[in-house]
């Protein structure tokens, strides 16, 4: 049986790969969604909060189409 561990916090390089955005836009989006986490001098980003923000972006587009 294989135990898989998924990361919840990612660094900037992983954030860029996850979102497909450039460094500045990815960090700006993560900060605006409250996903930035500071642990000491490290800056990481919470994928749970990021996923929620991405889901809400999709919902906003659907609401405009429904109107």
PDB file of N, CA and C in Angstrom:
ATOM      1  N   UNK A   1       0.845  -1.174   0.000  1.00  0.00           N
ATOM      2  CA  UNK A   1       0.000   0.000   0.000  1.00  0.00           C
ATOM      3  C   UNK A   1       0.890   1.237   0.000  1.00  0.00           C
ATOM      4  N   UNK A   2       0.580   2.153  -0.878  1.00  0.00           N
ATOM      5  CA  UNK A   2       1.398   3.345  -1.031  1.00  0.00           C
ATOM      6  C   UNK A   2       0.719   4.538  -0.384  1.00  0.00           C
ATOM      7  N   UNK A   3       1.466   5.241   0.449  1.00  0.00           N
ATOM      8  CA  UNK A   3       0.954   6.461   1.078  1.00  0.00           C
ATOM      9  C   UNK A   3       1.459   7.653   0.290  1.00  0.00           C
ATOM     10  N   UNK A   4       0.544   8.462  -0.205  1.00  0.00           N
ATOM     11  CA  UNK A   4       0.913   9.645  -0.969  1.00  0.00           C
ATOM     12  C   UNK A   4       0.682  10.875  -0.104  1.00  0.00           C
ATOM     13  N   UNK A   5       1.692  11.712  -0.039  1.00  0.00           N
ATOM     14  CA  UNK A   5       1.590  12.955   0.717  1.00  0.00           C
ATOM     15  C   UNK A   5       1.529  14.105  -0.282  1.00  0.00           C
ATOM     16  N   UNK A   6       0.494  14.911  -0.172  1.00  0.00           N
ATOM     17  CA  UNK A   6       0.339  16.065  -1.038  1.00  0.00           C
ATOM     18  C   UNK A   6       0.750  17.315  -0.267  1.00  0.00           C
ATOM     19  N   UNK A   7       1.470  18.193  -0.937  1.00  0.00           N
ATOM     20  CA  UNK A   7       1.911  19.433  -0.314  1.00  0.00           C
ATOM     21  C   UNK A   7       0.764  20.424  -0.262  1.00  0.00           C
ATOM     22  N   UNK A   8       0.623  21.092   0.865  1.00  0.00           N
ATOM     23  CA  UNK A   8      -0.369  22.155   0.977  1.00  0.00           C
ATOM     24  C   UNK A   8       0.275  23.515   0.731  1.00  0.00           C
ATOM     25  N   UNK A   9       1.514  23.671   1.168  1.00  0.00           N
ATOM     26  CA  UNK A   9       2.232  24.922   0.990  1.00  0.00           C
ATOM     27  C   UNK A   9       3.290  24.751  -0.090  1.00  0.00           C
ATOM     28  N   UNK A  10       3.349  25.709  -1.003  1.00  0.00           N
ATOM     29  CA  UNK A  10       4.319  25.651  -2.100  1.00  0.00           C
ATOM     30  C   UNK A  10       5.126  26.941  -2.154  1.00  0.00           C
ATOM     31  N   UNK A  11       6.309  26.863  -2.761  1.00  0.00           N
ATOM     32  CA  UNK A  11       7.135  28.057  -2.914  1.00  0.00           C
ATOM     33  C   UNK A  11       6.764  28.768  -4.216  1.00  0.00           C
ATOM     34  N   UNK A  12       7.459  29.854  -4.529  1.00  0.00           N
ATOM     35  CA  UNK A  12       7.118  30.674  -5.695  1.00  0.00           C
ATOM     36  C   UNK A  12       7.262  29.886  -6.997  1.00  0.00           C
ATOM     37  N   UNK A  13       8.316  29.108  -7.118  1.00  0.00           N
ATOM     38  CA  UNK A  13       8.527  28.326  -8.341  1.00  0.00           C
ATOM     39  C   UNK A  13       7.383  27.335  -8.559  1.00  0.00           C
ATOM     40  N   UNK A  14       6.977  26.663  -7.498  1.00  0.00           N
ATOM     41  CA  UNK A  14       5.863  25.712  -7.593  1.00  0.00           C
ATOM     42  C   UNK A  14       4.545  26.433  -7.836  1.00  0.00           C
ATOM     43  N   UNK A  15       4.387  27.615  -7.238  1.00  0.00           N
ATOM     44  CA  UNK A  15       3.185  28.426  -7.462  1.00  0.00           C
ATOM     45  C   UNK A  15       3.056  28.801  -8.926  1.00  0.00           C
ATOM     46  N   UNK A  16       4.170  29.211  -9.536  1.00  0.00           N
ATOM     47  CA  UNK A  16       4.163  29.576 -10.958  1.00  0.00           C
ATOM     48  C   UNK A  16       3.765  28.384 -11.817  1.00  0.00           C
ATOM     49  N   UNK A  17       4.316  27.225 -11.525  1.00  0.00           N
ATOM     50  CA  UNK A  17       3.991  26.031 -12.302  1.00  0.00           C
ATOM     51  C   UNK A  17       2.522  25.638 -12.107  1.00  0.00           C
ATOM     52  N   UNK A  18       2.023  25.789 -10.897  1.00  0.00           N
ATOM     53  CA  UNK A  18       0.651  25.405 -10.575  1.00  0.00           C
ATOM     54  C   UNK A  18      -0.371  26.302 -11.272  1.00  0.00           C
ATOM     55  N   UNK A  19      -0.085  27.624 -11.275  1.00  0.00           N
ATOM     56  CA  UNK A  19      -1.048  28.568 -11.844  1.00  0.00           C
ATOM     57  C   UNK A  19      -0.840  28.824 -13.329  1.00  0.00           C
ATOM     58  N   UNK A  20       0.371  28.592 -13.806  1.00  0.00           N
ATOM     59  CA  UNK A  20       0.679  28.900 -15.197  1.00  0.00           C
ATOM     60  C   UNK A  20       0.889  30.383 -15.427  1.00  0.00           C
ATOM     61  N   UNK A  21       1.097  31.131 -14.353  1.00  0.00           N
ATOM     62  CA  UNK A  21       1.308  32.566 -14.440  1.00  0.00           C
ATOM     63  C   UNK A  21       2.785  32.888 -14.260  1.00  0.00           C
ATOM     64  N   UNK A  22       3.166  34.112 -14.612  1.00  0.00           N
ATOM     65  CA  UNK A  22       4.513  34.577 -14.335  1.00  0.00           C
ATOM     66  C   UNK A  22       4.681  34.842 -12.849  1.00  0.00           C
ATOM     67  N   UNK A  23       5.910  35.119 -12.442  1.00  0.00           N
ATOM     68  CA  UNK A  23       6.199  35.299 -11.019  1.00  0.00           C
ATOM     69  C   UNK A  23       5.375  36.414 -10.391  1.00  0.00           C
ATOM     70  N   UNK A  24       5.399  37.588 -10.994  1.00  0.00           N
ATOM     71  CA  UNK A  24       4.707  38.729 -10.386  1.00  0.00           C
ATOM     72  C   UNK A  24       3.201  38.532 -10.315  1.00  0.00           C
ATOM     73  N   UNK A  25       2.583  38.058 -11.386  1.00  0.00           N
ATOM     74  CA  UNK A  25       1.129  37.848 -11.393  1.00  0.00           C
ATOM     75  C   UNK A  25       0.721  36.724 -10.439  1.00  0.00           C
ATOM     76  N   UNK A  26       1.528  35.666 -10.384  1.00  0.00           N
ATOM     77  CA  UNK A  26       1.212  34.550  -9.486  1.00  0.00           C
ATOM     78  C   UNK A  26       1.256  35.003  -8.037  1.00  0.00           C
ATOM     79  N   UNK A  27       2.293  35.747  -7.670  1.00  0.00           N
ATOM     80  CA  UNK A  27       2.419  36.234  -6.296  1.00  0.00           C
ATOM     81  C   UNK A  27       1.313  37.246  -5.987  1.00  0.00           C
ATOM     82  N   UNK A  28       1.021  38.126  -6.922  1.00  0.00           N
ATOM     83  CA  UNK A  28      -0.043  39.117  -6.739  1.00  0.00           C
ATOM     84  C   UNK A  28      -1.398  38.426  -6.516  1.00  0.00           C
ATOM     85  N   UNK A  29      -1.685  37.415  -7.334  1.00  0.00           N
ATOM     86  CA  UNK A  29      -2.946  36.685  -7.190  1.00  0.00           C
ATOM     87  C   UNK A  29      -3.006  35.953  -5.850  1.00  0.00           C
ATOM     88  N   UNK A  30      -1.905  35.309  -5.476  1.00  0.00           N
ATOM     89  CA  UNK A  30      -1.866  34.566  -4.214  1.00  0.00           C
ATOM     90  C   UNK A  30      -2.047  35.503  -3.022  1.00  0.00           C
ATOM     91  N   UNK A  31      -1.394  36.649  -3.051  1.00  0.00           N
ATOM     92  CA  UNK A  31      -1.544  37.613  -1.955  1.00  0.00           C
ATOM     93  C   UNK A  31      -2.976  38.135  -1.877  1.00  0.00           C
ATOM     94  N   UNK A  32      -3.564  38.438  -3.023  1.00  0.00           N
ATOM     95  CA  UNK A  32      -4.921  38.990  -3.032  1.00  0.00           C
ATOM     96  C   UNK A  32      -5.951  37.967  -2.563  1.00  0.00           C
ATOM     97  N   UNK A  33      -5.629  36.689  -2.687  1.00  0.00           N
ATOM     98  CA  UNK A  33      -6.553  35.648  -2.233  1.00  0.00           C
ATOM     99  C   UNK A  33      -6.268  35.207  -0.799  1.00  0.00           C
ATOM    100  N   UNK A  34      -5.277  35.834  -0.156  1.00  0.00           N
ATOM    101  CA  UNK A  34      -4.960  35.495   1.235  1.00  0.00           C
ATOM    102  C   UNK A  34      -4.190  34.197   1.379  1.00  0.00           C
ATOM    103  N   UNK A  35      -3.539  33.759   0.316  1.00  0.00           N
ATOM    104  CA  UNK A  35      -2.839  32.473   0.336  1.00  0.00           C
ATOM    105  C   UNK A  35      -1.382  32.574   0.772  1.00  0.00           C
ATOM    106  N   UNK A  36      -0.879  33.783   0.958  1.00  0.00           N
ATOM    107  CA  UNK A  36       0.518  33.943   1.362  1.00  0.00           C
ATOM    108  C   UNK A  36       0.694  33.575   2.836  1.00  0.00           C
ATOM    109  N   UNK A  37       1.705  32.747   3.122  1.00  0.00           N
ATOM    110  CA  UNK A  37       2.016  32.316   4.485  1.00  0.00           C
ATOM    111  C   UNK A  37       3.496  32.579   4.718  1.00  0.00           C
ATOM    112  N   UNK A  38       3.806  33.256   5.795  1.00  0.00           N
ATOM    113  CA  UNK A  38       5.210  33.502   6.138  1.00  0.00           C
ATOM    114  C   UNK A  38       5.576  32.653   7.342  1.00  0.00           C
ATOM    115  N   UNK A  39       6.636  31.876   7.178  1.00  0.00           N
ATOM    116  CA  UNK A  39       7.174  31.064   8.267  1.00  0.00           C
ATOM    117  C   UNK A  39       8.637  31.465   8.390  1.00  0.00           C
ATOM    118  N   UNK A  40       8.928  32.256   9.404  1.00  0.00           N
ATOM    119  CA  UNK A  40      10.266  32.815   9.515  1.00  0.00           C
ATOM    120  C   UNK A  40      10.510  33.733   8.330  1.00  0.00           C
ATOM    121  N   UNK A  41      11.601  33.479   7.606  1.00  0.00           N
ATOM    122  CA  UNK A  41      11.924  34.283   6.426  1.00  0.00           C
ATOM    123  C   UNK A  41      11.351  33.688   5.146  1.00  0.00           C
ATOM    124  N   UNK A  42      10.798  32.500   5.246  1.00  0.00           N
ATOM    125  CA  UNK A  42      10.258  31.836   4.056  1.00  0.00           C
ATOM    126  C   UNK A  42       8.870  32.353   3.725  1.00  0.00           C
ATOM    127  N   UNK A  43       8.620  32.481   2.449  1.00  0.00           N
ATOM    128  CA  UNK A  43       7.295  32.871   1.967  1.00  0.00           C
ATOM    129  C   UNK A  43       6.754  31.694   1.171  1.00  0.00           C
ATOM    130  N   UNK A  44       5.638  31.154   1.635  1.00  0.00           N
ATOM    131  CA  UNK A  44       4.995  30.016   0.979  1.00  0.00           C
ATOM    132  C   UNK A  44       3.560  30.395   0.656  1.00  0.00           C
ATOM    133  N   UNK A  45       2.915  29.541  -0.134  1.00  0.00           N
ATOM    134  CA  UNK A  45       1.558  29.842  -0.580  1.00  0.00           C
ATOM    135  C   UNK A  45       0.675  28.624  -0.340  1.00  0.00           C
ATOM    136  N   UNK A  46      -0.495  28.867   0.253  1.00  0.00           N
ATOM    137  CA  UNK A  46      -1.432  27.817   0.650  1.00  0.00           C
ATOM    138  C   UNK A  46      -2.318  27.433  -0.537  1.00  0.00           C
ATOM    139  N   UNK A  47      -2.155  26.199  -1.014  1.00  0.00           N
ATOM    140  CA  UNK A  47      -2.923  25.741  -2.175  1.00  0.00           C
ATOM    141  C   UNK A  47      -4.418  25.629  -1.887  1.00  0.00           C
ATOM    142  N   UNK A  48      -4.792  25.362  -0.644  1.00  0.00           N
ATOM    143  CA  UNK A  48      -6.210  25.265  -0.306  1.00  0.00           C
ATOM    144  C   UNK A  48      -6.904  26.605  -0.534  1.00  0.00           C
ATOM    145  N   UNK A  49      -6.298  27.684  -0.052  1.00  0.00           N
ATOM    146  CA  UNK A  49      -6.877  29.018  -0.247  1.00  0.00           C
ATOM    147  C   UNK A  49      -6.817  29.426  -1.711  1.00  0.00           C
ATOM    148  N   UNK A  50      -5.742  29.049  -2.370  1.00  0.00           N
ATOM    149  CA  UNK A  50      -5.590  29.372  -3.787  1.00  0.00           C
ATOM    150  C   UNK A  50      -6.666  28.674  -4.620  1.00  0.00           C
ATOM    151  N   UNK A  51      -6.901  27.395  -4.336  1.00  0.00           N
ATOM    152  CA  UNK A  51      -7.936  26.643  -5.058  1.00  0.00           C
ATOM    153  C   UNK A  51      -9.315  27.266  -4.846  1.00  0.00           C
ATOM    154  N   UNK A  52      -9.585  27.709  -3.627  1.00  0.00           N
ATOM    155  CA  UNK A  52     -10.873  28.347  -3.338  1.00  0.00           C
ATOM    156  C   UNK A  52     -11.032  29.617  -4.163  1.00  0.00           C
ATOM    157  N   UNK A  53      -9.963  30.415  -4.239  1.00  0.00           N
ATOM    158  CA  UNK A  53     -10.010  31.660  -5.020  1.00  0.00           C
ATOM    159  C   UNK A  53     -10.211  31.360  -6.504  1.00  0.00           C
ATOM    160  N   UNK A  54      -9.565  30.314  -6.998  1.00  0.00           N
ATOM    161  CA  UNK A  54      -9.716  29.930  -8.401  1.00  0.00           C
ATOM    162  C   UNK A  54     -11.147  29.464  -8.669  1.00  0.00           C
ATOM    163  N   UNK A  55     -11.711  28.686  -7.749  1.00  0.00           N
ATOM    164  CA  UNK A  55     -13.102  28.235  -7.891  1.00  0.00           C
ATOM    165  C   UNK A  55     -14.063  29.422  -7.929  1.00  0.00           C
ATOM    166  N   UNK A  56     -13.807  30.432  -7.091  1.00  0.00           N
ATOM    167  CA  UNK A  56     -14.662  31.610  -7.060  1.00  0.00           C
ATOM    168  C   UNK A  56     -14.562  32.402  -8.365  1.00  0.00           C
ATOM    169  N   UNK A  57     -13.395  32.412  -8.982  1.00  0.00           N
ATOM    170  CA  UNK A  57     -13.254  33.069 -10.292  1.00  0.00           C
ATOM    171  C   UNK A  57     -14.158  32.407 -11.320  1.00  0.00           C
ATOM    172  N   UNK A  58     -14.203  31.089 -11.297  1.00  0.00           N
ATOM    173  CA  UNK A  58     -15.063  30.344 -12.210  1.00  0.00           C
ATOM    174  C   UNK A  58     -16.525  30.616 -11.966  1.00  0.00           C
ATOM    175  N   UNK A  59     -16.907  30.744 -10.705  1.00  0.00           N
ATOM    176  CA  UNK A  59     -18.299  31.024 -10.352  1.00  0.00           C
ATOM    177  C   UNK A  59     -18.723  32.420 -10.795  1.00  0.00           C
ATOM    178  N   UNK A  60     -17.798  33.371 -10.715  1.00  0.00           N
ATOM    179  CA  UNK A  60     -18.131  34.741 -11.140  1.00  0.00           C
ATOM    180  C   UNK A  60     -18.429  34.770 -12.633  1.00  0.00           C
ATOM    181  N   UNK A  61     -17.691  33.985 -13.410  1.00  0.00           N
ATOM    182  CA  UNK A  61     -17.939  33.922 -14.845  1.00  0.00           C
ATOM    183  C   UNK A  61     -19.291  33.308 -15.159  1.00  0.00           C
ATOM    184  N   UNK A  62     -19.693  32.316 -14.374  1.00  0.00           N
ATOM    185  CA  UNK A  62     -20.991  31.679 -14.592  1.00  0.00           C
ATOM    186  C   UNK A  62     -22.122  32.623 -14.233  1.00  0.00           C
ATOM    187  N   UNK A  63     -21.933  33.422 -13.160  1.00  0.00           N
ATOM    188  CA  UNK A  63     -22.975  34.360 -12.760  1.00  0.00           C
ATOM    189  C   UNK A  63     -23.220  35.407 -13.851  1.00  0.00           C
ATOM    190  N   UNK A  64     -22.163  35.848 -14.520  1.00  0.00           N
ATOM    191  CA  UNK A  64     -22.320  36.822 -15.592  1.00  0.00           C
ATOM    192  C   UNK A  64     -23.061  36.216 -16.771  1.00  0.00           C
ATOM    193  N   UNK A  65     -22.799  34.930 -17.058  1.00  0.00           N
ATOM    194  CA  UNK A  65     -23.482  34.258 -18.161  1.00  0.00           C
ATOM    195  C   UNK A  65     -24.956  34.013 -17.858  1.00  0.00           C
ATOM    196  N   UNK A  66     -25.280  33.828 -16.572  1.00  0.00           N
ATOM    197  CA  UNK A  66     -26.670  33.573 -16.175  1.00  0.00           C
ATOM    198  C   UNK A  66     -27.512  34.840 -16.238  1.00  0.00           C
ATOM    199  N   UNK A  67     -26.892  35.995 -16.114  1.00  0.00           N
ATOM    200  CA  UNK A  67     -27.643  37.263 -16.057  1.00  0.00           C
ATOM    201  C   UNK A  67     -28.163  37.670 -17.415  1.00  0.00           C
TER     202      UNK A  67
END
